[in-house]
Structure formats: structure tokens, C-alpha cells
Full PDB file with SEQRES, HELIX, SHEET, SSBOND, CRYST1, ORIGX, SCALE, CONECT and MASTER records, all heavy atoms in Angstrom:
SEQRES   1 A   31  PHE LEU THR LEU ILE ASP ILE LYS ASP GLY ASP ILE THR          
SEQRES   2 A   31  GLY LYS ILE MET ASP MET ASP TYR ASN ASP GLU TYR ILE          
SEQRES   3 A   31  ASN TYR ARG ILE ASP                                          
HELIX    1 AA1 ASN A   27  ARG A   29  5                                   3    
SHEET    1 AA1 3 LEU A   2  LYS A   8  0                                        
SHEET    2 AA1 3 ASP A  11  ASP A  18 -1                                        
SHEET    3 AA1 3 ASP A  23  TYR A  25 -1                                        
CRYST1    1.000    1.000    1.000  90.00  90.00  90.00 P 1           1          
ORIGX1      1.000000  0.000000  0.000000        0.00000                         
ORIGX2      0.000000  1.000000  0.000000        0.00000                         
ORIGX3      0.000000  0.000000  1.000000        0.00000                         
SCALE1      1.000000  0.000000  0.000000        0.00000                         
SCALE2      0.000000  1.000000  0.000000        0.00000                         
SCALE3      0.000000  0.000000  1.000000        0.00000                         
ATOM      1  N   PHE A   1      84.085  71.945 123.208  1.00  0.00           N  
ATOM      2  CA  PHE A   1      83.699  70.905 124.146  1.00  0.00           C  
ATOM      3  C   PHE A   1      84.921  70.292 124.821  1.00  0.00           C  
ATOM      4  O   PHE A   1      86.014  70.236 124.241  1.00  0.00           O  
ATOM      5  CB  PHE A   1      82.915  69.790 123.447  1.00  0.00           C  
ATOM      6  CG  PHE A   1      81.583  70.237 122.889  1.00  0.00           C  
ATOM      7  CD1 PHE A   1      81.225  69.950 121.583  1.00  0.00           C  
ATOM      8  CD2 PHE A   1      80.694  70.931 123.682  1.00  0.00           C  
ATOM      9  CE1 PHE A   1      80.005  70.351 121.076  1.00  0.00           C  
ATOM     10  CE2 PHE A   1      79.457  71.338 123.194  1.00  0.00           C  
ATOM     11  CZ  PHE A   1      79.111  71.047 121.884  1.00  0.00           C  
ATOM     12  N   LEU A   2      84.692  69.824 126.040  1.00  0.00           N  
ATOM     13  CA  LEU A   2      85.728  69.139 126.796  1.00  0.00           C  
ATOM     14  C   LEU A   2      85.156  67.798 127.256  1.00  0.00           C  
ATOM     15  O   LEU A   2      84.085  67.735 127.860  1.00  0.00           O  
ATOM     16  CB  LEU A   2      86.150  69.971 128.011  1.00  0.00           C  
ATOM     17  CG  LEU A   2      87.352  69.475 128.818  1.00  0.00           C  
ATOM     18  CD1 LEU A   2      88.631  69.593 127.990  1.00  0.00           C  
ATOM     19  CD2 LEU A   2      87.481  70.290 130.108  1.00  0.00           C  
ATOM     20  N   THR A   3      85.868  66.699 126.941  1.00  0.00           N  
ATOM     21  CA  THR A   3      85.449  65.372 127.388  1.00  0.00           C  
ATOM     22  C   THR A   3      86.068  65.070 128.739  1.00  0.00           C  
ATOM     23  O   THR A   3      87.281  65.195 128.906  1.00  0.00           O  
ATOM     24  CB  THR A   3      85.882  64.296 126.378  1.00  0.00           C  
ATOM     25  OG1 THR A   3      85.242  64.539 125.133  1.00  0.00           O  
ATOM     26  CG2 THR A   3      85.486  62.918 126.861  1.00  0.00           C  
ATOM     27  N   LEU A   4      85.250  64.670 129.698  1.00  0.00           N  
ATOM     28  CA  LEU A   4      85.724  64.286 131.029  1.00  0.00           C  
ATOM     29  C   LEU A   4      85.499  62.795 131.204  1.00  0.00           C  
ATOM     30  O   LEU A   4      84.367  62.309 131.112  1.00  0.00           O  
ATOM     31  CB  LEU A   4      84.964  65.052 132.116  1.00  0.00           C  
ATOM     32  CG  LEU A   4      84.961  66.581 131.995  1.00  0.00           C  
ATOM     33  CD1 LEU A   4      84.165  67.192 133.142  1.00  0.00           C  
ATOM     34  CD2 LEU A   4      86.383  67.132 131.979  1.00  0.00           C  
ATOM     35  N   ILE A   5      86.581  62.056 131.443  1.00  0.00           N  
ATOM     36  CA  ILE A   5      86.516  60.598 131.573  1.00  0.00           C  
ATOM     37  C   ILE A   5      87.072  60.194 132.928  1.00  0.00           C  
ATOM     38  O   ILE A   5      88.142  60.659 133.339  1.00  0.00           O  
ATOM     39  CB  ILE A   5      87.332  59.898 130.466  1.00  0.00           C  
ATOM     40  CG1 ILE A   5      86.771  60.230 129.080  1.00  0.00           C  
ATOM     41  CG2 ILE A   5      87.362  58.390 130.690  1.00  0.00           C  
ATOM     42  CD1 ILE A   5      85.451  59.585 128.761  1.00  0.00           C  
ATOM     43  N   ASP A   6      86.354  59.317 133.626  1.00  0.00           N  
ATOM     44  CA  ASP A   6      86.827  58.752 134.889  1.00  0.00           C  
ATOM     45  C   ASP A   6      86.862  57.233 134.771  1.00  0.00           C  
ATOM     46  O   ASP A   6      85.878  56.613 134.338  1.00  0.00           O  
ATOM     47  CB  ASP A   6      85.918  59.161 136.055  1.00  0.00           C  
ATOM     48  CG  ASP A   6      86.116  60.623 136.441  1.00  0.00           C  
ATOM     49  OD1 ASP A   6      87.197  60.942 136.953  1.00  0.00           O  
ATOM     50  OD2 ASP A   6      85.194  61.426 136.206  1.00  0.00           O  
ATOM     51  N   ILE A   7      88.006  56.643 135.145  1.00  0.00           N  
ATOM     52  CA  ILE A   7      88.168  55.196 135.164  1.00  0.00           C  
ATOM     53  C   ILE A   7      88.485  54.794 136.594  1.00  0.00           C  
ATOM     54  O   ILE A   7      89.463  55.258 137.176  1.00  0.00           O  
ATOM     55  CB  ILE A   7      89.299  54.744 134.222  1.00  0.00           C  
ATOM     56  CG1 ILE A   7      88.992  55.154 132.773  1.00  0.00           C  
ATOM     57  CG2 ILE A   7      89.506  53.231 134.313  1.00  0.00           C  
ATOM     58  CD1 ILE A   7      90.111  54.883 131.806  1.00  0.00           C  
ATOM     59  N   LYS A   8      87.645  53.936 137.162  1.00  0.00           N  
ATOM     60  CA  LYS A   8      87.843  53.519 138.554  1.00  0.00           C  
ATOM     61  C   LYS A   8      87.266  52.122 138.753  1.00  0.00           C  
ATOM     62  O   LYS A   8      86.143  51.850 138.314  1.00  0.00           O  
ATOM     63  CB  LYS A   8      87.171  54.503 139.519  1.00  0.00           C  
ATOM     64  CG  LYS A   8      87.456  54.200 140.988  1.00  0.00           C  
ATOM     65  CD  LYS A   8      86.840  55.266 141.899  1.00  0.00           C  
ATOM     66  CE  LYS A   8      87.152  54.974 143.358  1.00  0.00           C  
ATOM     67  NZ  LYS A   8      86.567  55.981 144.275  1.00  0.00           N  
ATOM     68  N   ASP A   9      88.040  51.266 139.384  1.00  0.00           N  
ATOM     69  CA  ASP A   9      87.603  49.904 139.716  1.00  0.00           C  
ATOM     70  C   ASP A   9      87.096  49.143 138.497  1.00  0.00           C  
ATOM     71  O   ASP A   9      86.138  48.367 138.572  1.00  0.00           O  
ATOM     72  CB  ASP A   9      86.504  49.931 140.796  1.00  0.00           C  
ATOM     73  CG  ASP A   9      86.995  50.559 142.097  1.00  0.00           C  
ATOM     74  OD1 ASP A   9      88.204  50.422 142.380  1.00  0.00           O  
ATOM     75  OD2 ASP A   9      86.185  51.186 142.802  1.00  0.00           O  
ATOM     76  N   GLY A  10      87.749  49.365 137.355  1.00  0.00           N  
ATOM     77  CA  GLY A  10      87.380  48.647 136.144  1.00  0.00           C  
ATOM     78  C   GLY A  10      86.230  49.248 135.373  1.00  0.00           C  
ATOM     79  O   GLY A  10      85.905  48.777 134.279  1.00  0.00           O  
ATOM     80  N   ASP A  11      85.566  50.275 135.915  1.00  0.00           N  
ATOM     81  CA  ASP A  11      84.435  50.915 135.246  1.00  0.00           C  
ATOM     82  C   ASP A  11      84.877  52.240 134.632  1.00  0.00           C  
ATOM     83  O   ASP A  11      85.815  52.879 135.085  1.00  0.00           O  
ATOM     84  CB  ASP A  11      83.294  51.171 136.231  1.00  0.00           C  
ATOM     85  CG  ASP A  11      82.660  49.875 136.709  1.00  0.00           C  
ATOM     86  OD1 ASP A  11      82.737  48.883 135.955  1.00  0.00           O  
ATOM     87  OD2 ASP A  11      82.095  49.858 137.821  1.00  0.00           O  
ATOM     88  N   ILE A  12      84.157  52.653 133.605  1.00  0.00           N  
ATOM     89  CA  ILE A  12      84.434  53.934 132.949  1.00  0.00           C  
ATOM     90  C   ILE A  12      83.153  54.753 132.888  1.00  0.00           C  
ATOM     91  O   ILE A  12      82.076  54.240 132.570  1.00  0.00           O  
ATOM     92  CB  ILE A  12      85.006  53.718 131.531  1.00  0.00           C  
ATOM     93  CG1 ILE A  12      85.266  55.062 130.830  1.00  0.00           C  
ATOM     94  CG2 ILE A  12      84.113  52.846 130.686  1.00  0.00           C  
ATOM     95  CD1 ILE A  12      86.022  54.946 129.540  1.00  0.00           C  
ATOM     96  N   THR A  13      83.254  56.013 133.248  1.00  0.00           N  
ATOM     97  CA  THR A  13      82.144  56.957 133.105  1.00  0.00           C  
ATOM     98  C   THR A  13      82.683  58.201 132.422  1.00  0.00           C  
ATOM     99  O   THR A  13      83.866  58.525 132.528  1.00  0.00           O  
ATOM    100  CB  THR A  13      81.535  57.346 134.464  1.00  0.00           C  
ATOM    101  OG1 THR A  13      82.560  57.906 135.301  1.00  0.00           O  
ATOM    102  CG2 THR A  13      80.923  56.137 135.153  1.00  0.00           C  
ATOM    103  N   GLY A  14      81.815  58.883 131.718  1.00  0.00           N  
ATOM    104  CA  GLY A  14      82.271  60.071 131.014  1.00  0.00           C  
ATOM    105  C   GLY A  14      81.140  61.019 130.685  1.00  0.00           C  
ATOM    106  O   GLY A  14      79.965  60.640 130.686  1.00  0.00           O  
ATOM    107  N   LYS A  15      81.503  62.253 130.416  1.00  0.00           N  
ATOM    108  CA  LYS A  15      80.525  63.240 129.964  1.00  0.00           C  
ATOM    109  C   LYS A  15      81.223  64.297 129.131  1.00  0.00           C  
ATOM    110  O   LYS A  15      82.468  64.424 129.157  1.00  0.00           O  
ATOM    111  CB  LYS A  15      79.812  63.879 131.155  1.00  0.00           C  
ATOM    112  CG  LYS A  15      80.712  64.651 132.108  1.00  0.00           C  
ATOM    113  CD  LYS A  15      79.892  65.202 133.281  1.00  0.00           C  
ATOM    114  CE  LYS A  15      80.774  65.952 134.281  1.00  0.00           C  
ATOM    115  NZ  LYS A  15      79.980  66.466 135.424  1.00  0.00           N  
ATOM    116  N   ILE A  16      80.439  65.033 128.387  1.00  0.00           N  
ATOM    117  CA  ILE A  16      80.948  66.111 127.538  1.00  0.00           C  
ATOM    118  C   ILE A  16      80.463  67.435 128.100  1.00  0.00           C  
ATOM    119  O   ILE A  16      79.261  67.626 128.304  1.00  0.00           O  
ATOM    120  CB  ILE A  16      80.478  65.941 126.082  1.00  0.00           C  
ATOM    121  CG1 ILE A  16      81.012  64.621 125.510  1.00  0.00           C  
ATOM    122  CG2 ILE A  16      80.932  67.107 125.228  1.00  0.00           C  
ATOM    123  CD1 ILE A  16      80.506  64.305 124.123  1.00  0.00           C  
ATOM    124  N   MET A  17      81.400  68.335 128.335  1.00  0.00           N  
ATOM    125  CA  MET A  17      81.055  69.653 128.847  1.00  0.00           C  
ATOM    126  C   MET A  17      81.090  70.681 127.718  1.00  0.00           C  
ATOM    127  O   MET A  17      82.055  70.749 126.952  1.00  0.00           O  
ATOM    128  CB  MET A  17      82.043  70.063 129.942  1.00  0.00           C  
ATOM    129  CG  MET A  17      81.975  69.216 131.201  1.00  0.00           C  
ATOM    130  SD  MET A  17      80.390  69.362 132.056  1.00  0.00           S  
ATOM    131  CE  MET A  17      80.416  71.102 132.535  1.00  0.00           C  
ATOM    132  N   ASP A  18      80.012  71.469 127.603  1.00  0.00           N  
ATOM    133  CA  ASP A  18      79.967  72.597 126.674  1.00  0.00           C  
ATOM    134  C   ASP A  18      80.609  73.778 127.381  1.00  0.00           C  
ATOM    135  O   ASP A  18      80.028  74.361 128.308  1.00  0.00           O  
ATOM    136  CB  ASP A  18      78.520  72.894 126.290  1.00  0.00           C  
ATOM    137  CG  ASP A  18      78.408  73.946 125.196  1.00  0.00           C  
ATOM    138  OD1 ASP A  18      79.322  74.792 125.090  1.00  0.00           O  
ATOM    139  OD2 ASP A  18      77.408  73.920 124.458  1.00  0.00           O  
ATOM    140  N   MET A  19      81.812  74.157 126.951  1.00  0.00           N  
ATOM    141  CA  MET A  19      82.568  75.179 127.653  1.00  0.00           C  
ATOM    142  C   MET A  19      81.987  76.574 127.451  1.00  0.00           C  
ATOM    143  O   MET A  19      82.247  77.486 128.238  1.00  0.00           O  
ATOM    144  CB  MET A  19      84.034  75.146 127.198  1.00  0.00           C  
ATOM    145  CG  MET A  19      84.713  73.781 127.405  1.00  0.00           C  
ATOM    146  SD  MET A  19      84.492  73.149 129.081  1.00  0.00           S  
ATOM    147  CE  MET A  19      85.463  74.330 130.001  1.00  0.00           C  
ATOM    148  N   ASP A  20      81.174  76.766 126.402  1.00  0.00           N  
ATOM    149  CA  ASP A  20      80.535  78.071 126.190  1.00  0.00           C  
ATOM    150  C   ASP A  20      79.471  78.333 127.254  1.00  0.00           C  
ATOM    151  O   ASP A  20      79.233  79.489 127.644  1.00  0.00           O  
ATOM    152  CB  ASP A  20      79.891  78.122 124.798  1.00  0.00           C  
ATOM    153  CG  ASP A  20      80.930  78.218 123.690  1.00  0.00           C  
ATOM    154  OD1 ASP A  20      82.029  78.753 123.956  1.00  0.00           O  
ATOM    155  OD2 ASP A  20      80.650  77.731 122.577  1.00  0.00           O  
ATOM    156  N   TYR A  21      78.837  77.252 127.729  1.00  0.00           N  
ATOM    157  CA  TYR A  21      77.764  77.398 128.712  1.00  0.00           C  
ATOM    158  C   TYR A  21      78.127  76.794 130.062  1.00  0.00           C  
ATOM    159  O   TYR A  21      77.318  76.844 130.999  1.00  0.00           O  
ATOM    160  CB  TYR A  21      76.485  76.731 128.185  1.00  0.00           C  
ATOM    161  CG  TYR A  21      75.951  77.383 126.929  1.00  0.00           C  
ATOM    162  CD1 TYR A  21      76.263  76.869 125.679  1.00  0.00           C  
ATOM    163  CD2 TYR A  21      75.145  78.525 126.996  1.00  0.00           C  
ATOM    164  CE1 TYR A  21      75.780  77.465 124.514  1.00  0.00           C  
ATOM    165  CE2 TYR A  21      74.664  79.116 125.845  1.00  0.00           C  
ATOM    166  CZ  TYR A  21      74.983  78.593 124.610  1.00  0.00           C  
ATOM    167  OH  TYR A  21      74.504  79.186 123.471  1.00  0.00           O  
ATOM    168  N   ASN A  22      79.317  76.201 130.148  1.00  0.00           N  
ATOM    169  CA  ASN A  22      79.769  75.565 131.390  1.00  0.00           C  
ATOM    170  C   ASN A  22      78.717  74.584 131.911  1.00  0.00           C  
ATOM    171  O   ASN A  22      78.377  74.553 133.089  1.00  0.00           O  
ATOM    172  CB  ASN A  22      80.094  76.617 132.464  1.00  0.00           C  
ATOM    173  CG  ASN A  22      80.892  76.021 133.611  1.00  0.00           C  
ATOM    174  OD1 ASN A  22      81.631  75.061 133.407  1.00  0.00           O  
ATOM    175  ND2 ASN A  22      80.731  76.569 134.797  1.00  0.00           N  
ATOM    176  N   ASP A  23      78.218  73.762 130.991  1.00  0.00           N  
ATOM    177  CA  ASP A  23      77.169  72.803 131.337  1.00  0.00           C  
ATOM    178  C   ASP A  23      77.366  71.532 130.516  1.00  0.00           C  
ATOM    179  O   ASP A  23      78.025  71.552 129.463  1.00  0.00           O  
ATOM    180  CB  ASP A  23      75.793  73.405 131.034  1.00  0.00           C  
ATOM    181  CG  ASP A  23      74.661  72.654 131.741  1.00  0.00           C  
ATOM    182  OD1 ASP A  23      74.973  71.765 132.564  1.00  0.00           O  
ATOM    183  OD2 ASP A  23      73.492  72.956 131.454  1.00  0.00           O  
ATOM    184  N   GLU A  24      76.795  70.422 130.991  1.00  0.00           N  
ATOM    185  CA  GLU A  24      76.965  69.162 130.278  1.00  0.00           C  
ATOM    186  C   GLU A  24      76.160  69.176 128.979  1.00  0.00           C  
ATOM    187  O   GLU A  24      75.008  69.626 128.928  1.00  0.00           O  
ATOM    188  CB  GLU A  24      76.505  67.984 131.140  1.00  0.00           C  
ATOM    189  CG  GLU A  24      76.724  66.639 130.466  1.00  0.00           C  
ATOM    190  CD  GLU A  24      76.326  65.460 131.331  1.00  0.00           C  
ATOM    191  OE1 GLU A  24      75.846  65.691 132.465  1.00  0.00           O  
ATOM    192  OE2 GLU A  24      76.482  64.311 130.864  1.00  0.00           O  
ATOM    193  N   TYR A  25      76.800  68.674 127.908  1.00  0.00           N  
ATOM    194  CA  TYR A  25      76.151  68.540 126.601  1.00  0.00           C  
ATOM    195  C   TYR A  25      75.624  67.110 126.485  1.00  0.00           C  
ATOM    196  O   TYR A  25      76.382  66.145 126.615  1.00  0.00           O  
ATOM    197  CB  TYR A  25      77.155  68.837 125.487  1.00  0.00           C  
ATOM    198  CG  TYR A  25      76.588  68.751 124.091  1.00  0.00           C  
ATOM    199  CD1 TYR A  25      75.864  69.810 123.564  1.00  0.00           C  
ATOM    200  CD2 TYR A  25      76.790  67.619 123.300  1.00  0.00           C  
ATOM    201  CE1 TYR A  25      75.342  69.740 122.278  1.00  0.00           C  
ATOM    202  CE2 TYR A  25      76.266  67.543 122.026  1.00  0.00           C  
ATOM    203  CZ  TYR A  25      75.541  68.612 121.516  1.00  0.00           C  
ATOM    204  OH  TYR A  25      75.026  68.547 120.242  1.00  0.00           O  
ATOM    205  N   ILE A  26      74.309  66.931 126.262  1.00  0.00           N  
ATOM    206  CA  ILE A  26      73.717  65.590 126.295  1.00  0.00           C  
ATOM    207  C   ILE A  26      73.051  65.185 124.982  1.00  0.00           C  
ATOM    208  O   ILE A  26      72.601  64.048 124.849  1.00  0.00           O  
ATOM    209  CB  ILE A  26      72.673  65.476 127.430  1.00  0.00           C  
ATOM    210  CG1 ILE A  26      71.542  66.501 127.219  1.00  0.00           C  
ATOM    211  CG2 ILE A  26      73.346  65.669 128.784  1.00  0.00           C  
ATOM    212  CD1 ILE A  26      70.401  66.325 128.210  1.00  0.00           C  
ATOM    213  N   ASN A  27      72.998  66.083 123.990  1.00  0.00           N  
ATOM    214  CA  ASN A  27      72.273  65.757 122.759  1.00  0.00           C  
ATOM    215  C   ASN A  27      72.851  64.549 122.027  1.00  0.00           C  
ATOM    216  O   ASN A  27      72.142  63.844 121.307  1.00  0.00           O  
ATOM    217  CB  ASN A  27      72.273  66.954 121.812  1.00  0.00           C  
ATOM    218  CG  ASN A  27      71.409  68.102 122.331  1.00  0.00           C  
ATOM    219  OD1 ASN A  27      70.713  67.937 123.329  1.00  0.00           O  
ATOM    220  ND2 ASN A  27      71.461  69.240 121.675  1.00  0.00           N  
ATOM    221  N   TYR A  28      74.152  64.291 122.210  1.00  0.00           N  
ATOM    222  CA  TYR A  28      74.792  63.176 121.510  1.00  0.00           C  
ATOM    223  C   TYR A  28      74.326  61.822 122.031  1.00  0.00           C  
ATOM    224  O   TYR A  28      74.557  60.777 121.393  1.00  0.00           O  
ATOM    225  CB  TYR A  28      76.314  63.261 121.646  1.00  0.00           C  
ATOM    226  CG  TYR A  28      76.825  62.842 123.002  1.00  0.00           C  
ATOM    227  CD1 TYR A  28      77.366  61.572 123.190  1.00  0.00           C  
ATOM    228  CD2 TYR A  28      76.748  63.689 124.111  1.00  0.00           C  
ATOM    229  CE1 TYR A  28      77.827  61.164 124.431  1.00  0.00           C  
ATOM    230  CE2 TYR A  28      77.201  63.290 125.343  1.00  0.00           C  
ATOM    231  CZ  TYR A  28      77.741  62.032 125.500  1.00  0.00           C  
ATOM    232  OH  TYR A  28      78.190  61.646 126.733  1.00  0.00           O  
ATOM    233  N   ARG A  29      73.674  61.781 123.179  1.00  0.00           N  
ATOM    234  CA  ARG A  29      73.295  60.510 123.789  1.00  0.00           C  
ATOM    235  C   ARG A  29      72.039  59.893 123.166  1.00  0.00           C  
ATOM    236  O   ARG A  29      71.686  58.759 123.485  1.00  0.00           O  
ATOM    237  CB  ARG A  29      73.077  60.691 125.289  1.00  0.00           C  
ATOM    238  CG  ARG A  29      74.368  60.944 126.052  1.00  0.00           C  
ATOM    239  CD  ARG A  29      74.129  61.030 127.539  1.00  0.00           C  
ATOM    240  NE  ARG A  29      75.378  61.117 128.283  1.00  0.00           N  
ATOM    241  CZ  ARG A  29      76.097  60.082 128.691  1.00  0.00           C  
ATOM    242  NH1 ARG A  29      75.686  58.856 128.408  1.00  0.00           N  
ATOM    243  NH2 ARG A  29      77.216  60.243 129.360  1.00  0.00           N  
ATOM    244  N   ILE A  30      71.377  60.618 122.276  1.00  0.00           N  
ATOM    245  CA  ILE A  30      70.223  60.052 121.571  1.00  0.00           C  
ATOM    246  C   ILE A  30      70.710  58.923 120.662  1.00  0.00           C  
ATOM    247  O   ILE A  30      71.742  59.043 119.995  1.00  0.00           O  
ATOM    248  CB  ILE A  30      69.510  61.148 120.744  1.00  0.00           C  
ATOM    249  CG1 ILE A  30      69.043  62.283 121.677  1.00  0.00           C  
ATOM    250  CG2 ILE A  30      68.340  60.558 119.965  1.00  0.00           C  
ATOM    251  CD1 ILE A  30      68.517  63.482 120.933  1.00  0.00           C  
ATOM    252  N   ASP A  31      69.987  57.811 120.619  1.00  0.00           N  
ATOM    253  CA  ASP A  31      70.431  56.632 119.867  1.00  0.00           C  
ATOM    254  C   ASP A  31      70.643  56.927 118.387  1.00  0.00           C  
ATOM    255  O   ASP A  31      71.654  56.540 117.816  1.00  0.00           O  
ATOM    256  CB  ASP A  31      69.423  55.496 120.030  1.00  0.00           C  
ATOM    257  CG  ASP A  31      69.472  54.887 121.431  1.00  0.00           C  
ATOM    258  OD1 ASP A  31      70.536  54.997 122.059  1.00  0.00           O  
ATOM    259  OD2 ASP A  31      68.458  54.330 121.877  1.00  0.00           O  
TER     260      ASP A  31                                                      
MASTER        0    0    0    1    3    0    0    6  259    1    0    3          
END                                                                             
């Protein structure tokens, strides 16, 4: 996995990319 983080204007956004499938990994976002 590769973590992509963007910080701009005081805000932070991020996502995790599954490099095996070249797609965003979202299962971790479940509470």
C-alpha cells in the first residue's frame, strides 16, 4: 500500500492506494 496525503490551506486529505490493483483501498474506513 501507498499512503497519499495532501495538505493545503490548513486542511488535510488522504487516501490509501492498493498498488497490486492500482486502486484506492477503502476497507479501513469502516468505524
